[in-house]
Amino acid sequence: MSLKEIAGPLDETSRLPLYQQLQRAIRKAIEESALSPSDALPPERDIATEYDVSRITVRKALDGLVQDGLLARRQGAGTFVTAHLEKRLTRISSFSEDLAARGWVARSKVLERIKGTVTPEESLSLSLAPGEGVFRFRRIRYADDAPMAIETAVVPAFCLNSIEDVQGSLYDALERTGNRPVRALQRIKAVAFSETNARLLGITPGAPGLLLERRGFNAEGRAVEITQSYYRGDAYDFVVELTA
């Protein structure tokens, strides 16, 4: 199927410049999931021929979508739809649940899975006594095949039957033992990705990102997680609904 069949024709009655019309058509196709994450767009010359516009018009339209994080150019491969996510901060949800709600598949690559004892700093955050056991997880989180975030979680050992309980969603594992968070405190910071983390996500060192720090509490009011998640700034938006 051609891009024109997916995104629709340009509006001949519109007074908008052609590049903006094309940009709007592609944006709408992405927002309505007619174009899916990781879908490749045709070459610029083919888009220009299909829409009967100049390649400069096509390039200008795509440049704007790249700047907005909806498209990404890969050297020697072409232009692709990015896996762009919105995370609403009005409810507690896991990465896996956020993706499932949008029809995507969440998966993880485990970097570390460690049994240990709580550090002095962690003991304050988790209200644990010195020497108590914790489980540590460090994972790359993927939306389909696109790396989206690096997540580090520390969970008190009493919250899980075994460190092997966490194979997919951490919150699913905590729910099975009655320790899923029902309340959380969160802090969001703007960060620049370090060389190490950027390499893990396949992005440029120093690229902008968002750091979400969360402390979650179970129904009994006990702290059951402290999590740090580094999200790609070009692929993730945090949305908060405000009322007067």
C-alpha atoms as a PDB file:
ATOM      1  CA  MET A   1       0.000   0.000   0.000  1.00  0.00           C
ATOM      2  CA  SER A   2       1.340   3.437  -0.933  1.00  0.00           C
ATOM      3  CA  LEU A   3       1.797   6.310   1.515  1.00  0.00           C
ATOM      4  CA  LYS A   4      -0.950   8.260  -0.240  1.00  0.00           C
ATOM      5  CA  GLU A   5      -3.381   5.389   0.274  1.00  0.00           C
ATOM      6  CA  ILE A   6      -2.454   5.259   3.962  1.00  0.00           C
ATOM      7  CA  ALA A   7      -2.238   8.984   4.774  1.00  0.00           C
ATOM      8  CA  GLY A   8      -4.738  10.239   2.209  1.00  0.00           C
ATOM      9  CA  PRO A   9      -4.431  12.962  -0.442  1.00  0.00           C
ATOM     10  CA  LEU A  10      -3.588  16.607   0.148  1.00  0.00           C
ATOM     11  CA  ASP A  11      -6.434  19.084   0.472  1.00  0.00           C
ATOM     12  CA  GLU A  12      -6.568  21.037  -2.776  1.00  0.00           C
ATOM     13  CA  THR A  13      -8.783  23.696  -1.159  1.00  0.00           C
ATOM     14  CA  SER A  14      -6.391  24.337   1.744  1.00  0.00           C
ATOM     15  CA  ARG A  15      -4.343  27.522   1.894  1.00  0.00           C
ATOM     16  CA  LEU A  16      -1.635  25.817   3.935  1.00  0.00           C
ATOM     17  CA  PRO A  17       1.758  25.345   2.261  1.00  0.00           C
ATOM     18  CA  LEU A  18       2.101  21.937   0.654  1.00  0.00           C
ATOM     19  CA  TYR A  19       4.773  20.784   3.105  1.00  0.00           C
ATOM     20  CA  GLN A  20       2.443  21.496   6.048  1.00  0.00           C
ATOM     21  CA  GLN A  21      -0.403  19.622   4.370  1.00  0.00           C
ATOM     22  CA  LEU A  22       1.822  16.607   3.814  1.00  0.00           C
ATOM     23  CA  GLN A  23       3.150  16.868   7.353  1.00  0.00           C
ATOM     24  CA  ARG A  24      -0.388  16.919   8.769  1.00  0.00           C
ATOM     25  CA  ALA A  25      -1.428  13.916   6.699  1.00  0.00           C
ATOM     26  CA  ILE A  26       1.516  11.832   7.897  1.00  0.00           C
ATOM     27  CA  ARG A  27       1.095  12.998  11.492  1.00  0.00           C
ATOM     28  CA  LYS A  28      -2.598  12.006  11.445  1.00  0.00           C
ATOM     29  CA  ALA A  29      -1.721   8.582  10.008  1.00  0.00           C
ATOM     30  CA  ILE A  30       0.737   8.031  12.873  1.00  0.00           C
ATOM     31  CA  GLU A  31      -1.653   9.266  15.569  1.00  0.00           C
ATOM     32  CA  GLU A  32      -4.465   7.051  14.240  1.00  0.00           C
ATOM     33  CA  SER A  33      -2.101   4.038  13.981  1.00  0.00           C
ATOM     34  CA  ALA A  34      -2.472   3.780  10.206  1.00  0.00           C
ATOM     35  CA  LEU A  35       1.332   3.987  10.347  1.00  0.00           C
ATOM     36  CA  SER A  36       2.783   1.837  13.116  1.00  0.00           C
ATOM     37  CA  PRO A  37       6.025   2.115  15.112  1.00  0.00           C
ATOM     38  CA  SER A  38       9.063   1.006  13.067  1.00  0.00           C
ATOM     39  CA  ASP A  39       7.143   1.280   9.750  1.00  0.00           C
ATOM     40  CA  ALA A  40       9.413   2.531   6.977  1.00  0.00           C
ATOM     41  CA  LEU A  41       8.327   5.454   4.818  1.00  0.00           C
ATOM     42  CA  PRO A  42       8.956   5.289   1.065  1.00  0.00           C
ATOM     43  CA  PRO A  43      12.016   7.140  -0.283  1.00  0.00           C
ATOM     44  CA  GLU A  44      11.567  10.907  -0.572  1.00  0.00           C
ATOM     45  CA  ARG A  45      11.620  10.778  -4.376  1.00  0.00           C
ATOM     46  CA  ASP A  46       8.758   8.262  -4.361  1.00  0.00           C
ATOM     47  CA  ILE A  47       6.689  10.403  -1.983  1.00  0.00           C
ATOM     48  CA  ALA A  48       7.338  13.449  -4.179  1.00  0.00           C
ATOM     49  CA  THR A  49       6.173  11.580  -7.280  1.00  0.00           C
ATOM     50  CA  GLU A  50       3.126  10.135  -5.546  1.00  0.00           C
ATOM     51  CA  TYR A  51       1.933  13.507  -4.230  1.00  0.00           C
ATOM     52  CA  ASP A  52       3.154  15.491  -7.250  1.00  0.00           C
ATOM     53  CA  VAL A  53       5.273  17.826  -5.138  1.00  0.00           C
ATOM     54  CA  SER A  54       8.962  18.671  -5.078  1.00  0.00           C
ATOM     55  CA  ARG A  55      11.514  16.704  -3.082  1.00  0.00           C
ATOM     56  CA  ILE A  56      12.248  19.932  -1.177  1.00  0.00           C
ATOM     57  CA  THR A  57       8.605  19.959  -0.050  1.00  0.00           C
ATOM     58  CA  VAL A  58       8.853  16.336   1.087  1.00  0.00           C
ATOM     59  CA  ARG A  59      12.136  16.929   2.885  1.00  0.00           C
ATOM     60  CA  LYS A  60      10.710  19.959   4.725  1.00  0.00           C
ATOM     61  CA  ALA A  61       7.613  17.988   5.791  1.00  0.00           C
ATOM     62  CA  LEU A  62       9.680  15.065   7.076  1.00  0.00           C
ATOM     63  CA  ASP A  63      12.190  17.344   8.810  1.00  0.00           C
ATOM     64  CA  GLY A  64       9.417  18.774  10.974  1.00  0.00           C
ATOM     65  CA  LEU A  65       8.191  15.312  11.976  1.00  0.00           C
ATOM     66  CA  VAL A  66      11.754  14.224  12.782  1.00  0.00           C
ATOM     67  CA  GLN A  67      12.165  17.289  15.016  1.00  0.00           C
ATOM     68  CA  ASP A  68       8.903  16.400  16.779  1.00  0.00           C
ATOM     69  CA  GLY A  69      10.175  12.869  17.418  1.00  0.00           C
ATOM     70  CA  LEU A  70       7.508  11.139  15.294  1.00  0.00           C
ATOM     71  CA  LEU A  71       9.982  10.026  12.630  1.00  0.00           C
ATOM     72  CA  ALA A  72      13.628   9.000  12.767  1.00  0.00           C
ATOM     73  CA  ARG A  73      16.204   8.821   9.982  1.00  0.00           C
ATOM     74  CA  ARG A  74      18.628   5.895   9.962  1.00  0.00           C
ATOM     75  CA  GLN A  75      21.768   6.300   7.958  1.00  0.00           C
ATOM     76  CA  GLY A  76      21.612   4.155   4.852  1.00  0.00           C
ATOM     77  CA  ALA A  77      18.245   2.642   5.824  1.00  0.00           C
ATOM     78  CA  GLY A  78      15.648   5.395   5.383  1.00  0.00           C
ATOM     79  CA  THR A  79      12.995   7.129   7.471  1.00  0.00           C
ATOM     80  CA  PHE A  80      10.964   5.235  10.074  1.00  0.00           C
ATOM     81  CA  VAL A  81       8.067   5.872  12.434  1.00  0.00           C
ATOM     82  CA  THR A  82       9.360   6.080  15.981  1.00  0.00           C
ATOM     83  CA  ALA A  83       7.811   4.269  18.917  1.00  0.00           C
ATOM     84  CA  HIS A  84       6.450   7.399  20.601  1.00  0.00           C
ATOM     85  CA  LEU A  85       4.577   6.884  23.867  1.00  0.00           C
ATOM     86  CA  GLU A  86       2.472   8.994  26.174  1.00  0.00           C
ATOM     87  CA  LYS A  87       2.509   8.065  29.844  1.00  0.00           C
ATOM     88  CA  ARG A  88      -0.266   9.556  31.941  1.00  0.00           C
ATOM     89  CA  LEU A  89       0.743  10.349  35.505  1.00  0.00           C
ATOM     90  CA  THR A  90      -2.770  10.268  36.955  1.00  0.00           C
ATOM     91  CA  ARG A  91      -2.639   6.546  37.749  1.00  0.00           C
ATOM     92  CA  ILE A  92      -0.033   3.960  38.723  1.00  0.00           C
ATOM     93  CA  SER A  93       0.720   1.701  35.787  1.00  0.00           C
ATOM     94  CA  SER A  94       3.613  -0.423  34.659  1.00  0.00           C
ATOM     95  CA  PHE A  95       5.577  -0.080  31.434  1.00  0.00           C
ATOM     96  CA  SER A  96       4.015  -3.333  30.212  1.00  0.00           C
ATOM     97  CA  GLU A  97       0.492  -2.065  30.905  1.00  0.00           C
ATOM     98  CA  ASP A  98       1.161   1.248  29.141  1.00  0.00           C
ATOM     99  CA  LEU A  99       2.236  -0.578  25.999  1.00  0.00           C
ATOM    100  CA  ALA A 100      -0.538  -3.179  26.091  1.00  0.00           C
ATOM    101  CA  ALA A 101      -3.095  -0.359  26.213  1.00  0.00           C
ATOM    102  CA  ARG A 102      -1.708   0.882  22.897  1.00  0.00           C
ATOM    103  CA  GLY A 103      -1.514  -2.519  21.221  1.00  0.00           C
ATOM    104  CA  TRP A 104       2.272  -2.826  21.507  1.00  0.00           C
ATOM    105  CA  VAL A 105       4.325  -5.638  22.987  1.00  0.00           C
ATOM    106  CA  ALA A 106       6.585  -4.902  25.947  1.00  0.00           C
ATOM    107  CA  ARG A 107       9.727  -6.913  26.462  1.00  0.00           C
ATOM    108  CA  SER A 108      12.854  -6.567  28.538  1.00  0.00           C
ATOM    109  CA  LYS A 109      16.534  -7.338  28.319  1.00  0.00           C
ATOM    110  CA  VAL A 110      17.881  -8.086  31.790  1.00  0.00           C
ATOM    111  CA  LEU A 111      21.209  -6.393  32.485  1.00  0.00           C
ATOM    112  CA  GLU A 112      21.355  -7.258  36.191  1.00  0.00           C
ATOM    113  CA  ARG A 113      19.302  -9.467  38.524  1.00  0.00           C
ATOM    114  CA  ILE A 114      20.939  -9.444  41.952  1.00  0.00           C
ATOM    115  CA  LYS A 115      20.138 -10.531  45.508  1.00  0.00           C
ATOM    116  CA  GLY A 116      21.714  -8.189  48.023  1.00  0.00           C
ATOM    117  CA  THR A 117      21.328  -6.241  51.232  1.00  0.00           C
ATOM    118  CA  VAL A 118      19.878  -2.785  51.561  1.00  0.00           C
ATOM    119  CA  THR A 119      22.228   0.214  51.443  1.00  0.00           C
ATOM    120  CA  PRO A 120      21.949   2.984  54.050  1.00  0.00           C
ATOM    121  CA  GLU A 121      20.238   5.270  51.529  1.00  0.00           C
ATOM    122  CA  GLU A 122      17.831   2.543  50.421  1.00  0.00           C
ATOM    123  CA  SER A 123      17.008   1.629  54.011  1.00  0.00           C
ATOM    124  CA  LEU A 124      15.642   5.137  54.542  1.00  0.00           C
ATOM    125  CA  SER A 125      13.551   5.067  51.348  1.00  0.00           C
ATOM    126  CA  LEU A 126      12.232   1.537  51.951  1.00  0.00           C
ATOM    127  CA  SER A 127      11.993   1.728  55.776  1.00  0.00           C
ATOM    128  CA  LEU A 128      14.149  -1.380  56.122  1.00  0.00           C
ATOM    129  CA  ALA A 129      16.580  -2.237  58.886  1.00  0.00           C
ATOM    130  CA  PRO A 130      20.294  -2.427  58.054  1.00  0.00           C
ATOM    131  CA  GLY A 131      21.216  -5.787  56.572  1.00  0.00           C
ATOM    132  CA  GLU A 132      17.726  -6.665  55.317  1.00  0.00           C
ATOM    133  CA  GLY A 133      17.527  -8.328  51.930  1.00  0.00           C
ATOM    134  CA  VAL A 134      16.554  -6.693  48.649  1.00  0.00           C
ATOM    135  CA  PHE A 135      16.317  -7.711  45.003  1.00  0.00           C
ATOM    136  CA  ARG A 136      17.821  -5.454  42.337  1.00  0.00           C
ATOM    137  CA  PHE A 137      16.759  -5.422  38.707  1.00  0.00           C
ATOM    138  CA  ARG A 138      18.308  -3.437  35.858  1.00  0.00           C
ATOM    139  CA  ARG A 139      16.646  -3.829  32.475  1.00  0.00           C
ATOM    140  CA  ILE A 140      16.306  -2.284  29.041  1.00  0.00           C
ATOM    141  CA  ARG A 141      12.608  -1.867  28.267  1.00  0.00           C
ATOM    142  CA  TYR A 142      11.442  -2.279  24.660  1.00  0.00           C
ATOM    143  CA  ALA A 143       8.271  -1.280  22.806  1.00  0.00           C
ATOM    144  CA  ASP A 144       8.077  -4.046  20.207  1.00  0.00           C
ATOM    145  CA  ASP A 145      11.719  -3.960  19.034  1.00  0.00           C
ATOM    146  CA  ALA A 146      12.487  -0.321  19.868  1.00  0.00           C
ATOM    147  CA  PRO A 147      14.536   0.322  23.050  1.00  0.00           C
ATOM    148  CA  MET A 148      12.655   2.950  25.078  1.00  0.00           C
ATOM    149  CA  ALA A 149      14.049   3.094  28.598  1.00  0.00           C
ATOM    150  CA  ILE A 150      16.587   1.815  31.099  1.00  0.00           C
ATOM    151  CA  GLU A 151      14.971   0.822  34.379  1.00  0.00           C
ATOM    152  CA  THR A 152      16.614   0.084  37.732  1.00  0.00           C
ATOM    153  CA  ALA A 153      14.376  -1.194  40.528  1.00  0.00           C
ATOM    154  CA  VAL A 154      15.095  -2.160  44.117  1.00  0.00           C
ATOM    155  CA  VAL A 155      12.459  -4.290  45.861  1.00  0.00           C
ATOM    156  CA  PRO A 156      12.480  -5.556  49.470  1.00  0.00           C
ATOM    157  CA  ALA A 157      12.954  -9.325  49.541  1.00  0.00           C
ATOM    158  CA  PHE A 158       9.739  -9.824  51.539  1.00  0.00           C
ATOM    159  CA  CYS A 159       7.738  -8.580  48.528  1.00  0.00           C
ATOM    160  CA  LEU A 160       8.541 -11.557  46.295  1.00  0.00           C
ATOM    161  CA  ASN A 161       8.811 -15.299  46.781  1.00  0.00           C
ATOM    162  CA  SER A 162      11.951 -15.413  44.649  1.00  0.00           C
ATOM    163  CA  ILE A 163      14.052 -13.129  42.493  1.00  0.00           C
ATOM    164  CA  GLU A 164      12.980 -15.338  39.581  1.00  0.00           C
ATOM    165  CA  ASP A 165       9.380 -14.174  40.045  1.00  0.00           C
ATOM    166  CA  VAL A 166      10.145 -11.182  37.828  1.00  0.00           C
ATOM    167  CA  GLN A 167      10.278 -12.422  34.259  1.00  0.00           C
ATOM    168  CA  GLY A 168       8.177  -9.729  32.609  1.00  0.00           C
ATOM    169  CA  SER A 169       6.251  -7.040  34.464  1.00  0.00           C
ATOM    170  CA  LEU A 170       7.544  -6.225  37.942  1.00  0.00           C
ATOM    171  CA  TYR A 171       4.084  -5.064  38.972  1.00  0.00           C
ATOM    172  CA  ASP A 172       2.532  -8.368  37.885  1.00  0.00           C
ATOM    173  CA  ALA A 173       5.002 -10.183  40.129  1.00  0.00           C
ATOM    174  CA  LEU A 174       4.261  -7.842  43.049  1.00  0.00           C
ATOM    175  CA  GLU A 175       0.515  -8.245  42.514  1.00  0.00           C
ATOM    176  CA  ARG A 176       0.793 -12.029  42.838  1.00  0.00           C
ATOM    177  CA  THR A 177       2.151 -11.595  46.373  1.00  0.00           C
ATOM    178  CA  GLY A 178      -0.273  -8.809  47.319  1.00  0.00           C
ATOM    179  CA  ASN A 179       2.414  -6.126  47.168  1.00  0.00           C
ATOM    180  CA  ARG A 180       1.522  -4.186  44.056  1.00  0.00           C
ATOM    181  CA  PRO A 181       1.871  -0.425  44.667  1.00  0.00           C
ATOM    182  CA  VAL A 182      -1.418   1.396  45.198  1.00  0.00           C
ATOM    183  CA  ARG A 183       0.234   4.751  45.947  1.00  0.00           C
ATOM    184  CA  ALA A 184       3.471   6.287  44.740  1.00  0.00           C
ATOM    185  CA  LEU A 185       5.618   9.396  45.001  1.00  0.00           C
ATOM    186  CA  GLN A 186       7.298  10.416  41.751  1.00  0.00           C
ATOM    187  CA  ARG A 187       9.871  12.939  40.665  1.00  0.00           C
ATOM    188  CA  ILE A 188      10.706  13.743  37.038  1.00  0.00           C
ATOM    189  CA  LYS A 189      13.968  15.349  35.930  1.00  0.00           C
ATOM    190  CA  ALA A 190      15.396  16.361  32.577  1.00  0.00           C
ATOM    191  CA  VAL A 191      18.729  14.607  31.953  1.00  0.00           C
ATOM    192  CA  ALA A 192      21.343  14.138  29.247  1.00  0.00           C
ATOM    193  CA  PHE A 193      22.133  10.499  28.483  1.00  0.00           C
ATOM    194  CA  SER A 194      25.548   9.269  29.515  1.00  0.00           C
ATOM    195  CA  GLU A 195      27.687   7.476  26.973  1.00  0.00           C
ATOM    196  CA  THR A 196      26.981   4.113  28.624  1.00  0.00           C
ATOM    197  CA  ASN A 197      23.194   4.494  28.735  1.00  0.00           C
ATOM    198  CA  ALA A 198      23.070   6.047  25.267  1.00  0.00           C
ATOM    199  CA  ARG A 199      24.909   3.036  23.838  1.00  0.00           C
ATOM    200  CA  LEU A 200      22.381   0.678  25.438  1.00  0.00           C
ATOM    201  CA  LEU A 201      19.487   2.553  23.806  1.00  0.00           C
ATOM    202  CA  GLY A 202      21.210   3.135  20.476  1.00  0.00           C
ATOM    203  CA  ILE A 203      21.057   6.935  20.730  1.00  0.00           C
ATOM    204  CA  THR A 204      23.637   9.727  20.689  1.00  0.00           C
ATOM    205  CA  PRO A 205      25.528  10.419  23.948  1.00  0.00           C
ATOM    206  CA  GLY A 206      24.227  13.617  25.498  1.00  0.00           C
ATOM    207  CA  ALA A 207      20.775  13.176  23.922  1.00  0.00           C
ATOM    208  CA  PRO A 208      17.949  14.563  26.084  1.00  0.00           C
ATOM    209  CA  GLY A 209      16.022  12.189  28.308  1.00  0.00           C
ATOM    210  CA  LEU A 210      13.642  12.080  31.239  1.00  0.00           C
ATOM    211  CA  LEU A 211      14.464  10.480  34.576  1.00  0.00           C
ATOM    212  CA  LEU A 212      11.468   9.220  36.551  1.00  0.00           C
ATOM    213  CA  GLU A 213      12.152   8.323  40.177  1.00  0.00           C
ATOM    214  CA  ARG A 214       9.337   6.451  41.917  1.00  0.00           C
ATOM    215  CA  ARG A 215       8.767   5.159  45.443  1.00  0.00           C
ATOM    216  CA  GLY A 216       5.756   2.851  45.588  1.00  0.00           C
ATOM    217  CA  PHE A 217       3.683   1.714  48.589  1.00  0.00           C
ATOM    218  CA  ASN A 218       1.425  -1.326  48.960  1.00  0.00           C
ATOM    219  CA  ALA A 219      -2.077  -1.335  50.448  1.00  0.00           C
ATOM    220  CA  GLU A 220      -0.625  -1.617  53.965  1.00  0.00           C
ATOM    221  CA  GLY A 221       1.427   1.535  53.447  1.00  0.00           C
ATOM    222  CA  ARG A 222       4.798  -0.244  53.245  1.00  0.00           C
ATOM    223  CA  ALA A 223       7.353   0.887  50.685  1.00  0.00           C
ATOM    224  CA  VAL A 224       7.722  -1.908  48.110  1.00  0.00           C
ATOM    225  CA  GLU A 225       9.853  -0.368  45.369  1.00  0.00           C
ATOM    226  CA  ILE A 226      12.250   2.392  44.496  1.00  0.00           C
ATOM    227  CA  THR A 227      12.665   2.677  40.761  1.00  0.00           C
ATOM    228  CA  GLN A 228      14.721   4.885  38.486  1.00  0.00           C
ATOM    229  CA  SER A 229      13.711   4.896  34.824  1.00  0.00           C
ATOM    230  CA  TYR A 230      15.622   6.762  32.121  1.00  0.00           C
ATOM    231  CA  TYR A 231      13.272   7.407  29.194  1.00  0.00           C
ATOM    232  CA  ARG A 232      14.283   8.554  25.724  1.00  0.00           C
ATOM    233  CA  GLY A 233      13.272  12.171  25.292  1.00  0.00           C
ATOM    234  CA  ASP A 234      12.555  11.668  21.587  1.00  0.00           C
ATOM    235  CA  ALA A 235      10.124   8.842  22.221  1.00  0.00           C
ATOM    236  CA  TYR A 236       8.293   9.523  25.473  1.00  0.00           C
ATOM    237  CA  ASP A 237       5.876  12.196  26.723  1.00  0.00           C
ATOM    238  CA  PHE A 238       4.523  12.484  30.241  1.00  0.00           C
ATOM    239  CA  VAL A 239       0.973  13.809  30.436  1.00  0.00           C
ATOM    240  CA  VAL A 240      -0.796  15.158  33.523  1.00  0.00           C
ATOM    241  CA  GLU A 241      -4.463  16.167  33.588  1.00  0.00           C
ATOM    242  CA  LEU A 242      -5.076  19.281  35.685  1.00  0.00           C
ATOM    243  CA  THR A 243      -8.408  20.574  36.950  1.00  0.00           C
ATOM    244  CA  ALA A 244      -9.336  23.835  38.688  1.00  0.00           C
END
